[in-house]
Amino acid sequence: MAEPVTTDPRVALARAGDDGAFASLYDEYSPRLYRFLLLRVQEPADAEDLLQRVFLKVIEALPAFEDRGLPFGAWLFRIARNAAIDFERSHRSTAPLDALVDRPVETPGPEVLAEQSLARARVREALALLTAEQRDVVVYRFIGGLTPAEIGRLMGKREGTVRALQFRAIDRKSTRLNSSH
């Protein structure tokens, strides 16, 4: 039987109303959650809004949070994923993923922003080649920084299954790259 995950002591302090502990958790997780959300919604402003919604939900749900073997970070990513899905559903009139990748940037910005936009588009193109499960594993693993064990608990899968999904995703992408040259 797997050993239960020990909750970060900051979580208990934040549950008790310690603003410093909550701020520390926010500082640790917000950059990864922002990157995760940015891949899902494409626009930085939308990702920022969603990140704030995620942490509002966390504030509301934190008093009821119970350590059930799911790491706190995985719990946060589940909330972020659900927020992104809700956002996508409410913005169904937006173009499909392929059209979003080719869409010009509305507001021209500095070169760095253009490069970041291009990099996000390439990542979205690569993710579009994967199955939904492979895509979730890759995003949780490489954008969210979760371990295969954490991803397994989050997705309700065995760690070996998560590793296999990750391997197949990487193999599918490299096969696609090799066949296009």
N, C-alpha and C. Protein backbone atom coordinates (compact mmCIF):
# COMPACT_ATOMS: atom_id res chain seq x y z
N MET A 1 0.85 -1.18 0.00
CA MET A 1 0.00 0.00 0.00
C MET A 1 0.88 1.24 0.00
N ALA A 2 0.52 2.21 -0.80
CA ALA A 2 1.31 3.44 -0.92
C ALA A 2 1.20 4.25 0.37
N GLU A 3 2.30 4.89 0.70
CA GLU A 3 2.34 5.74 1.88
C GLU A 3 1.63 7.06 1.58
N PRO A 4 0.78 7.56 2.49
CA PRO A 4 0.07 8.81 2.20
C PRO A 4 1.04 9.98 2.08
N VAL A 5 0.67 10.93 1.27
CA VAL A 5 1.49 12.12 1.06
C VAL A 5 1.35 13.03 2.27
N THR A 6 2.46 13.53 2.76
CA THR A 6 2.42 14.46 3.87
C THR A 6 2.17 15.86 3.31
N THR A 7 1.15 16.50 3.83
CA THR A 7 0.79 17.82 3.36
C THR A 7 1.82 18.83 3.82
N ASP A 8 2.12 19.75 2.96
CA ASP A 8 3.00 20.86 3.25
C ASP A 8 2.45 21.59 4.48
N PRO A 9 3.28 21.87 5.48
CA PRO A 9 2.78 22.54 6.69
C PRO A 9 2.16 23.91 6.40
N ARG A 10 2.57 24.53 5.31
CA ARG A 10 1.98 25.83 4.94
C ARG A 10 0.50 25.69 4.63
N VAL A 11 0.09 24.53 4.13
CA VAL A 11 -1.31 24.31 3.80
C VAL A 11 -2.16 24.38 5.08
N ALA A 12 -1.70 23.70 6.12
CA ALA A 12 -2.44 23.73 7.39
C ALA A 12 -2.48 25.15 7.95
N LEU A 13 -1.38 25.86 7.85
CA LEU A 13 -1.35 27.24 8.34
C LEU A 13 -2.29 28.13 7.52
N ALA A 14 -2.28 27.96 6.20
CA ALA A 14 -3.17 28.74 5.34
C ALA A 14 -4.63 28.42 5.63
N ARG A 15 -4.91 27.15 5.88
CA ARG A 15 -6.29 26.75 6.24
C ARG A 15 -6.73 27.44 7.51
N ALA A 16 -5.78 27.67 8.41
CA ALA A 16 -6.08 28.32 9.69
C ALA A 16 -6.14 29.85 9.56
N GLY A 17 -5.90 30.36 8.34
CA GLY A 17 -6.01 31.80 8.14
C GLY A 17 -4.70 32.55 8.12
N ASP A 18 -3.58 31.85 8.08
CA ASP A 18 -2.27 32.51 8.05
C ASP A 18 -2.01 33.07 6.65
N ASP A 19 -2.09 34.40 6.53
CA ASP A 19 -1.90 35.05 5.23
C ASP A 19 -0.50 34.83 4.67
N GLY A 20 0.50 34.79 5.53
CA GLY A 20 1.88 34.58 5.08
C GLY A 20 2.06 33.21 4.46
N ALA A 21 1.43 32.21 5.06
CA ALA A 21 1.53 30.85 4.52
C ALA A 21 0.83 30.77 3.16
N PHE A 22 -0.34 31.42 3.06
CA PHE A 22 -1.05 31.43 1.79
C PHE A 22 -0.22 32.16 0.73
N ALA A 23 0.37 33.28 1.09
CA ALA A 23 1.19 34.04 0.14
C ALA A 23 2.38 33.21 -0.33
N SER A 24 2.95 32.44 0.57
CA SER A 24 4.08 31.58 0.21
C SER A 24 3.64 30.50 -0.79
N LEU A 25 2.48 29.92 -0.57
CA LEU A 25 1.94 28.92 -1.51
C LEU A 25 1.64 29.57 -2.85
N TYR A 26 1.07 30.76 -2.82
CA TYR A 26 0.78 31.49 -4.06
C TYR A 26 2.07 31.75 -4.83
N ASP A 27 3.08 32.24 -4.13
CA ASP A 27 4.36 32.54 -4.79
C ASP A 27 4.98 31.29 -5.42
N GLU A 28 4.83 30.17 -4.76
CA GLU A 28 5.41 28.92 -5.28
C GLU A 28 4.66 28.39 -6.49
N TYR A 29 3.34 28.39 -6.42
CA TYR A 29 2.55 27.72 -7.45
C TYR A 29 2.05 28.63 -8.58
N SER A 30 1.93 29.91 -8.35
CA SER A 30 1.32 30.77 -9.38
C SER A 30 2.09 30.81 -10.69
N PRO A 31 3.43 30.82 -10.72
CA PRO A 31 4.09 30.82 -12.04
C PRO A 31 3.79 29.56 -12.86
N ARG A 32 3.79 28.39 -12.21
CA ARG A 32 3.51 27.15 -12.94
C ARG A 32 2.06 27.09 -13.39
N LEU A 33 1.15 27.52 -12.53
CA LEU A 33 -0.26 27.52 -12.89
C LEU A 33 -0.52 28.50 -14.03
N TYR A 34 0.15 29.65 -14.00
CA TYR A 34 -0.01 30.63 -15.08
C TYR A 34 0.42 30.02 -16.41
N ARG A 35 1.59 29.37 -16.44
CA ARG A 35 2.07 28.75 -17.69
C ARG A 35 1.08 27.68 -18.16
N PHE A 36 0.58 26.90 -17.24
CA PHE A 36 -0.41 25.87 -17.57
C PHE A 36 -1.66 26.51 -18.19
N LEU A 37 -2.16 27.55 -17.56
CA LEU A 37 -3.37 28.22 -18.05
C LEU A 37 -3.12 28.91 -19.39
N LEU A 38 -1.95 29.48 -19.56
CA LEU A 38 -1.62 30.18 -20.80
C LEU A 38 -1.65 29.22 -21.99
N LEU A 39 -1.23 28.01 -21.78
CA LEU A 39 -1.30 27.02 -22.86
C LEU A 39 -2.74 26.65 -23.18
N ARG A 40 -3.60 26.74 -22.21
CA ARG A 40 -4.99 26.35 -22.43
C ARG A 40 -5.82 27.47 -23.07
N VAL A 41 -5.52 28.74 -22.75
CA VAL A 41 -6.39 29.83 -23.21
C VAL A 41 -5.73 30.77 -24.21
N GLN A 42 -4.45 30.67 -24.44
CA GLN A 42 -3.70 31.40 -25.46
C GLN A 42 -3.41 32.86 -25.16
N GLU A 43 -4.29 33.58 -24.54
CA GLU A 43 -4.09 35.01 -24.30
C GLU A 43 -3.57 35.26 -22.89
N PRO A 44 -2.48 36.00 -22.75
CA PRO A 44 -1.94 36.28 -21.41
C PRO A 44 -2.96 36.90 -20.45
N ALA A 45 -3.77 37.83 -20.94
CA ALA A 45 -4.76 38.47 -20.06
C ALA A 45 -5.79 37.46 -19.55
N ASP A 46 -6.21 36.54 -20.42
CA ASP A 46 -7.15 35.50 -20.00
C ASP A 46 -6.51 34.57 -18.97
N ALA A 47 -5.25 34.23 -19.19
CA ALA A 47 -4.54 33.36 -18.24
C ALA A 47 -4.40 34.04 -16.89
N GLU A 48 -4.12 35.34 -16.90
CA GLU A 48 -4.01 36.09 -15.64
C GLU A 48 -5.35 36.12 -14.91
N ASP A 49 -6.43 36.37 -15.65
CA ASP A 49 -7.75 36.37 -15.04
C ASP A 49 -8.09 35.01 -14.45
N LEU A 50 -7.80 33.97 -15.21
CA LEU A 50 -8.09 32.61 -14.73
C LEU A 50 -7.25 32.27 -13.50
N LEU A 51 -6.00 32.70 -13.50
CA LEU A 51 -5.15 32.43 -12.33
C LEU A 51 -5.76 33.05 -11.08
N GLN A 52 -6.26 34.26 -11.20
CA GLN A 52 -6.90 34.90 -10.05
C GLN A 52 -8.17 34.15 -9.64
N ARG A 53 -8.94 33.68 -10.64
CA ARG A 53 -10.14 32.89 -10.32
C ARG A 53 -9.76 31.60 -9.61
N VAL A 54 -8.68 30.98 -10.07
CA VAL A 54 -8.22 29.74 -9.44
C VAL A 54 -7.91 29.99 -7.97
N PHE A 55 -7.17 31.05 -7.69
CA PHE A 55 -6.81 31.29 -6.29
C PHE A 55 -8.00 31.77 -5.46
N LEU A 56 -8.98 32.40 -6.07
CA LEU A 56 -10.21 32.70 -5.33
C LEU A 56 -10.93 31.42 -4.95
N LYS A 57 -10.97 30.46 -5.91
CA LYS A 57 -11.58 29.15 -5.61
C LYS A 57 -10.79 28.44 -4.51
N VAL A 58 -9.48 28.58 -4.55
CA VAL A 58 -8.65 27.95 -3.53
C VAL A 58 -8.97 28.55 -2.16
N ILE A 59 -9.09 29.87 -2.10
CA ILE A 59 -9.42 30.53 -0.83
C ILE A 59 -10.76 30.01 -0.31
N GLU A 60 -11.74 29.87 -1.22
CA GLU A 60 -13.06 29.37 -0.82
C GLU A 60 -13.02 27.91 -0.37
N ALA A 61 -12.23 27.10 -1.08
CA ALA A 61 -12.23 25.65 -0.81
C ALA A 61 -11.20 25.22 0.23
N LEU A 62 -10.24 26.06 0.52
CA LEU A 62 -9.14 25.67 1.41
C LEU A 62 -9.61 25.23 2.80
N PRO A 63 -10.60 25.89 3.41
CA PRO A 63 -11.03 25.42 4.73
C PRO A 63 -11.53 23.98 4.72
N ALA A 64 -12.04 23.51 3.59
CA ALA A 64 -12.55 22.14 3.50
C ALA A 64 -11.52 21.17 2.93
N PHE A 65 -10.33 21.67 2.54
CA PHE A 65 -9.31 20.80 1.95
C PHE A 65 -8.90 19.74 2.95
N GLU A 66 -8.87 18.50 2.49
CA GLU A 66 -8.41 17.38 3.31
C GLU A 66 -7.33 16.64 2.55
N ASP A 67 -6.30 16.25 3.26
CA ASP A 67 -5.22 15.48 2.65
C ASP A 67 -5.72 14.05 2.45
N ARG A 68 -6.00 13.73 1.18
CA ARG A 68 -6.47 12.37 0.85
C ARG A 68 -5.46 11.66 -0.02
N GLY A 69 -4.19 12.01 0.14
CA GLY A 69 -3.15 11.37 -0.64
C GLY A 69 -2.83 12.10 -1.92
N LEU A 70 -3.56 13.15 -2.23
CA LEU A 70 -3.31 13.95 -3.42
C LEU A 70 -2.49 15.16 -3.00
N PRO A 71 -1.32 15.36 -3.60
CA PRO A 71 -0.50 16.51 -3.21
C PRO A 71 -1.24 17.82 -3.43
N PHE A 72 -0.93 18.80 -2.62
CA PHE A 72 -1.58 20.10 -2.71
C PHE A 72 -1.43 20.69 -4.11
N GLY A 73 -0.24 20.57 -4.69
CA GLY A 73 -0.01 21.09 -6.04
C GLY A 73 -0.92 20.43 -7.07
N ALA A 74 -1.12 19.14 -6.94
CA ALA A 74 -2.00 18.43 -7.86
C ALA A 74 -3.44 18.91 -7.69
N TRP A 75 -3.83 19.18 -6.45
CA TRP A 75 -5.17 19.71 -6.18
C TRP A 75 -5.33 21.07 -6.87
N LEU A 76 -4.30 21.91 -6.79
CA LEU A 76 -4.34 23.21 -7.45
C LEU A 76 -4.47 23.06 -8.96
N PHE A 77 -3.72 22.13 -9.54
CA PHE A 77 -3.79 21.93 -10.99
C PHE A 77 -5.15 21.39 -11.41
N ARG A 78 -5.78 20.61 -10.57
CA ARG A 78 -7.13 20.14 -10.89
C ARG A 78 -8.10 21.33 -10.92
N ILE A 79 -7.98 22.23 -9.97
CA ILE A 79 -8.82 23.43 -9.95
C ILE A 79 -8.54 24.26 -11.20
N ALA A 80 -7.26 24.43 -11.55
CA ALA A 80 -6.89 25.22 -12.73
C ALA A 80 -7.42 24.56 -14.01
N ARG A 81 -7.30 23.27 -14.09
CA ARG A 81 -7.80 22.55 -15.28
C ARG A 81 -9.30 22.75 -15.43
N ASN A 82 -10.03 22.62 -14.32
CA ASN A 82 -11.48 22.81 -14.37
C ASN A 82 -11.83 24.25 -14.75
N ALA A 83 -11.08 25.22 -14.23
CA ALA A 83 -11.33 26.63 -14.58
C ALA A 83 -11.08 26.85 -16.07
N ALA A 84 -10.02 26.24 -16.60
CA ALA A 84 -9.72 26.39 -18.03
C ALA A 84 -10.81 25.74 -18.89
N ILE A 85 -11.30 24.59 -18.46
CA ILE A 85 -12.38 23.91 -19.19
C ILE A 85 -13.64 24.78 -19.18
N ASP A 86 -13.97 25.34 -18.02
CA ASP A 86 -15.13 26.24 -17.94
C ASP A 86 -14.95 27.44 -18.85
N PHE A 87 -13.75 27.99 -18.88
CA PHE A 87 -13.46 29.13 -19.74
C PHE A 87 -13.64 28.75 -21.21
N GLU A 88 -13.08 27.60 -21.59
CA GLU A 88 -13.19 27.14 -22.98
C GLU A 88 -14.64 26.92 -23.37
N ARG A 89 -15.43 26.37 -22.47
CA ARG A 89 -16.85 26.14 -22.76
C ARG A 89 -17.59 27.46 -22.94
N SER A 90 -17.26 28.44 -22.13
CA SER A 90 -17.95 29.73 -22.22
C SER A 90 -17.49 30.56 -23.40
N HIS A 91 -16.39 30.16 -24.03
CA HIS A 91 -15.87 30.87 -25.20
C HIS A 91 -15.85 29.97 -26.42
N ARG A 92 -16.89 29.15 -26.56
CA ARG A 92 -16.98 28.20 -27.67
C ARG A 92 -16.98 28.88 -29.03
N SER A 93 -17.38 30.13 -29.08
CA SER A 93 -17.45 30.82 -30.36
C SER A 93 -16.06 31.16 -30.89
N THR A 94 -15.02 30.90 -30.09
CA THR A 94 -13.68 31.17 -30.57
C THR A 94 -13.29 30.15 -31.61
N ALA A 95 -12.28 30.47 -32.38
CA ALA A 95 -11.82 29.61 -33.48
C ALA A 95 -11.21 28.33 -32.95
N PRO A 96 -11.17 27.28 -33.77
CA PRO A 96 -10.50 26.05 -33.35
C PRO A 96 -9.01 26.28 -33.15
N LEU A 97 -8.36 25.31 -32.53
CA LEU A 97 -6.95 25.42 -32.17
C LEU A 97 -6.08 25.80 -33.36
N ASP A 98 -6.30 25.19 -34.52
CA ASP A 98 -5.48 25.50 -35.69
C ASP A 98 -5.59 26.98 -36.07
N ALA A 99 -6.80 27.52 -36.00
CA ALA A 99 -6.99 28.92 -36.36
C ALA A 99 -6.34 29.84 -35.32
N LEU A 100 -6.37 29.43 -34.05
CA LEU A 100 -5.75 30.24 -33.01
C LEU A 100 -4.24 30.32 -33.20
N VAL A 101 -3.65 29.22 -33.64
CA VAL A 101 -2.21 29.20 -33.84
C VAL A 101 -1.82 30.17 -34.94
N ASP A 102 -2.62 30.26 -36.01
CA ASP A 102 -2.31 31.12 -37.14
C ASP A 102 -2.79 32.55 -36.97
N ARG A 103 -3.57 32.81 -35.93
CA ARG A 103 -4.15 34.13 -35.72
C ARG A 103 -3.05 35.15 -35.41
N PRO A 104 -3.10 36.30 -36.03
CA PRO A 104 -2.10 37.31 -35.73
C PRO A 104 -2.30 37.87 -34.32
N VAL A 105 -1.25 38.33 -33.73
CA VAL A 105 -1.32 38.93 -32.41
C VAL A 105 -2.06 40.26 -32.54
N GLU A 106 -3.07 40.49 -31.68
CA GLU A 106 -3.88 41.70 -31.78
C GLU A 106 -3.07 42.97 -31.50
N THR A 107 -2.24 42.92 -30.51
CA THR A 107 -1.48 44.10 -30.14
C THR A 107 0.00 43.82 -30.34
N PRO A 108 0.60 44.46 -31.33
CA PRO A 108 2.03 44.24 -31.53
C PRO A 108 2.81 44.70 -30.31
N GLY A 109 3.76 43.89 -29.90
CA GLY A 109 4.53 44.21 -28.71
C GLY A 109 6.01 44.07 -28.99
N PRO A 110 6.79 44.13 -27.96
CA PRO A 110 8.23 43.98 -28.12
C PRO A 110 8.59 42.61 -28.67
N GLU A 111 9.79 42.51 -29.14
CA GLU A 111 10.28 41.27 -29.75
C GLU A 111 10.14 40.08 -28.81
N VAL A 112 10.36 40.29 -27.55
CA VAL A 112 10.27 39.20 -26.57
C VAL A 112 8.86 38.63 -26.55
N LEU A 113 7.85 39.49 -26.56
CA LEU A 113 6.48 39.00 -26.56
C LEU A 113 6.16 38.22 -27.82
N ALA A 114 6.70 38.67 -28.94
CA ALA A 114 6.48 37.95 -30.20
C ALA A 114 7.12 36.57 -30.15
N GLU A 115 8.32 36.49 -29.62
CA GLU A 115 8.99 35.19 -29.50
C GLU A 115 8.23 34.27 -28.57
N GLN A 116 7.73 34.81 -27.47
CA GLN A 116 6.97 33.99 -26.54
C GLN A 116 5.68 33.49 -27.19
N SER A 117 5.04 34.33 -27.95
CA SER A 117 3.82 33.94 -28.64
C SER A 117 4.11 32.82 -29.64
N LEU A 118 5.20 32.94 -30.36
CA LEU A 118 5.58 31.91 -31.33
C LEU A 118 5.90 30.59 -30.61
N ALA A 119 6.59 30.69 -29.50
CA ALA A 119 6.92 29.48 -28.74
C ALA A 119 5.64 28.81 -28.23
N ARG A 120 4.69 29.59 -27.72
CA ARG A 120 3.41 29.02 -27.26
C ARG A 120 2.67 28.36 -28.41
N ALA A 121 2.71 28.98 -29.58
CA ALA A 121 2.04 28.40 -30.75
C ALA A 121 2.67 27.06 -31.12
N ARG A 122 3.98 26.99 -31.06
CA ARG A 122 4.66 25.72 -31.38
C ARG A 122 4.30 24.65 -30.36
N VAL A 123 4.23 25.03 -29.11
CA VAL A 123 3.85 24.06 -28.08
C VAL A 123 2.41 23.59 -28.32
N ARG A 124 1.50 24.52 -28.63
CA ARG A 124 0.12 24.13 -28.89
C ARG A 124 0.03 23.21 -30.11
N GLU A 125 0.83 23.50 -31.14
CA GLU A 125 0.84 22.62 -32.32
C GLU A 125 1.30 21.22 -31.94
N ALA A 126 2.35 21.15 -31.14
CA ALA A 126 2.85 19.84 -30.71
C ALA A 126 1.81 19.12 -29.85
N LEU A 127 1.17 19.84 -28.95
CA LEU A 127 0.17 19.22 -28.08
C LEU A 127 -1.05 18.76 -28.86
N ALA A 128 -1.37 19.45 -29.94
CA ALA A 128 -2.53 19.08 -30.75
C ALA A 128 -2.35 17.72 -31.41
N LEU A 129 -1.12 17.26 -31.53
CA LEU A 129 -0.85 15.95 -32.13
C LEU A 129 -1.12 14.79 -31.17
N LEU A 130 -1.31 15.10 -29.90
CA LEU A 130 -1.42 14.07 -28.88
C LEU A 130 -2.88 13.77 -28.54
N THR A 131 -3.09 12.61 -27.93
CA THR A 131 -4.41 12.30 -27.40
C THR A 131 -4.64 13.19 -26.18
N ALA A 132 -5.88 13.29 -25.73
CA ALA A 132 -6.20 14.14 -24.58
C ALA A 132 -5.42 13.69 -23.34
N GLU A 133 -5.33 12.38 -23.11
CA GLU A 133 -4.60 11.90 -21.94
C GLU A 133 -3.11 12.19 -22.04
N GLN A 134 -2.53 11.96 -23.23
CA GLN A 134 -1.11 12.26 -23.43
C GLN A 134 -0.85 13.75 -23.21
N ARG A 135 -1.74 14.58 -23.74
CA ARG A 135 -1.59 16.03 -23.60
C ARG A 135 -1.63 16.42 -22.13
N ASP A 136 -2.59 15.87 -21.37
CA ASP A 136 -2.67 16.19 -19.94
C ASP A 136 -1.40 15.79 -19.21
N VAL A 137 -0.89 14.59 -19.50
CA VAL A 137 0.33 14.12 -18.84
C VAL A 137 1.50 15.05 -19.16
N VAL A 138 1.67 15.39 -20.42
CA VAL A 138 2.79 16.24 -20.83
C VAL A 138 2.69 17.61 -20.17
N VAL A 139 1.50 18.18 -20.14
CA VAL A 139 1.34 19.51 -19.55
C VAL A 139 1.56 19.45 -18.04
N TYR A 140 0.98 18.48 -17.36
CA TYR A 140 1.19 18.36 -15.92
C TYR A 140 2.67 18.12 -15.60
N ARG A 141 3.32 17.32 -16.42
CA ARG A 141 4.71 16.94 -16.15
C ARG A 141 5.68 18.08 -16.46
N PHE A 142 5.59 18.64 -17.66
CA PHE A 142 6.61 19.58 -18.09
C PHE A 142 6.24 21.04 -17.87
N ILE A 143 4.99 21.37 -17.82
CA ILE A 143 4.57 22.74 -17.54
C ILE A 143 4.29 22.89 -16.05
N GLY A 144 3.57 21.91 -15.51
CA GLY A 144 3.21 21.97 -14.10
C GLY A 144 4.29 21.49 -13.15
N GLY A 145 5.23 20.71 -13.67
CA GLY A 145 6.32 20.23 -12.83
C GLY A 145 5.92 19.14 -11.85
N LEU A 146 4.79 18.46 -12.11
CA LEU A 146 4.36 17.38 -11.23
C LEU A 146 5.14 16.11 -11.55
N THR A 147 5.30 15.26 -10.56
CA THR A 147 5.96 13.98 -10.75
C THR A 147 4.97 12.98 -11.36
N PRO A 148 5.47 11.89 -11.97
CA PRO A 148 4.55 10.87 -12.48
C PRO A 148 3.61 10.32 -11.40
N ALA A 149 4.11 10.19 -10.17
CA ALA A 149 3.26 9.70 -9.08
C ALA A 149 2.14 10.69 -8.78
N GLU A 150 2.47 11.98 -8.74
CA GLU A 150 1.45 13.00 -8.50
C GLU A 150 0.43 13.04 -9.63
N ILE A 151 0.91 12.93 -10.85
CA ILE A 151 0.01 12.94 -12.00
C ILE A 151 -0.92 11.73 -11.94
N GLY A 152 -0.37 10.58 -11.58
CA GLY A 152 -1.17 9.37 -11.46
C GLY A 152 -2.30 9.54 -10.46
N ARG A 153 -1.99 10.13 -9.31
CA ARG A 153 -3.04 10.35 -8.31
C ARG A 153 -4.05 11.37 -8.82
N LEU A 154 -3.58 12.39 -9.50
CA LEU A 154 -4.47 13.42 -10.03
C LEU A 154 -5.41 12.87 -11.09
N MET A 155 -4.88 12.02 -11.97
CA MET A 155 -5.67 11.48 -13.08
C MET A 155 -6.34 10.14 -12.77
N GLY A 156 -6.06 9.59 -11.58
CA GLY A 156 -6.64 8.30 -11.23
C GLY A 156 -6.01 7.15 -12.01
N LYS A 157 -4.71 7.27 -12.27
CA LYS A 157 -3.99 6.24 -13.04
C LYS A 157 -2.76 5.79 -12.27
N ARG A 158 -2.26 4.63 -12.64
CA ARG A 158 -1.03 4.13 -12.03
C ARG A 158 0.15 4.93 -12.56
N GLU A 159 1.20 5.01 -11.74
CA GLU A 159 2.39 5.75 -12.14
C GLU A 159 2.98 5.19 -13.43
N GLY A 160 2.99 3.86 -13.59
CA GLY A 160 3.50 3.24 -14.81
C GLY A 160 2.70 3.64 -16.04
N THR A 161 1.39 3.78 -15.87
CA THR A 161 0.53 4.21 -16.97
C THR A 161 0.87 5.64 -17.37
N VAL A 162 1.11 6.49 -16.38
CA VAL A 162 1.49 7.88 -16.65
C VAL A 162 2.80 7.92 -17.42
N ARG A 163 3.78 7.11 -16.98
CA ARG A 163 5.07 7.07 -17.67
C ARG A 163 4.90 6.58 -19.12
N ALA A 164 4.03 5.59 -19.31
CA ALA A 164 3.79 5.07 -20.66
C ALA A 164 3.13 6.14 -21.53
N LEU A 165 2.17 6.88 -20.98
CA LEU A 165 1.53 7.95 -21.74
C LEU A 165 2.55 9.03 -22.12
N GLN A 166 3.43 9.34 -21.19
CA GLN A 166 4.47 10.33 -21.46
C GLN A 166 5.40 9.83 -22.55
N PHE A 167 5.81 8.58 -22.47
CA PHE A 167 6.71 8.01 -23.48
C PHE A 167 6.05 8.02 -24.85
N ARG A 168 4.78 7.58 -24.91
CA ARG A 168 4.08 7.55 -26.19
C ARG A 168 3.91 8.95 -26.77
N ALA A 169 3.68 9.93 -25.91
CA ALA A 169 3.53 11.32 -26.37
C ALA A 169 4.84 11.81 -26.99
N ILE A 170 5.94 11.55 -26.33
CA ILE A 170 7.24 11.98 -26.84
C ILE A 170 7.57 11.22 -28.11
N ASP A 171 7.28 9.92 -28.12
CA ASP A 171 7.54 9.11 -29.30
C ASP A 171 6.69 9.57 -30.49
N ARG A 172 5.43 9.90 -30.24
CA ARG A 172 4.54 10.36 -31.31
C ARG A 172 5.06 11.67 -31.89
N LYS A 173 5.50 12.57 -31.04
CA LYS A 173 6.01 13.86 -31.51
C LYS A 173 7.30 13.67 -32.31
N SER A 174 8.21 12.83 -31.83
CA SER A 174 9.47 12.65 -32.56
C SER A 174 9.24 11.92 -33.88
N THR A 175 8.30 10.98 -33.92
CA THR A 175 7.96 10.29 -35.16
C THR A 175 7.39 11.29 -36.16
N ARG A 176 6.53 12.15 -35.69
CA ARG A 176 5.93 13.17 -36.56
C ARG A 176 7.00 14.13 -37.11
N LEU A 177 7.94 14.53 -36.26
CA LEU A 177 9.01 15.42 -36.70
C LEU A 177 9.89 14.75 -37.74
N ASN A 178 10.23 13.49 -37.51
CA ASN A 178 11.10 12.76 -38.44
C ASN A 178 10.41 12.52 -39.78
N SER A 179 9.09 12.31 -39.77
CA SER A 179 8.38 12.05 -41.02
C SER A 179 8.14 13.33 -41.83
N SER A 180 8.24 14.48 -41.18
CA SER A 180 7.99 15.74 -41.89
C SER A 180 9.24 16.29 -42.55
N HIS A 181 10.36 15.66 -42.32
CA HIS A 181 11.62 16.12 -42.96
C HIS A 181 11.99 15.27 -44.12
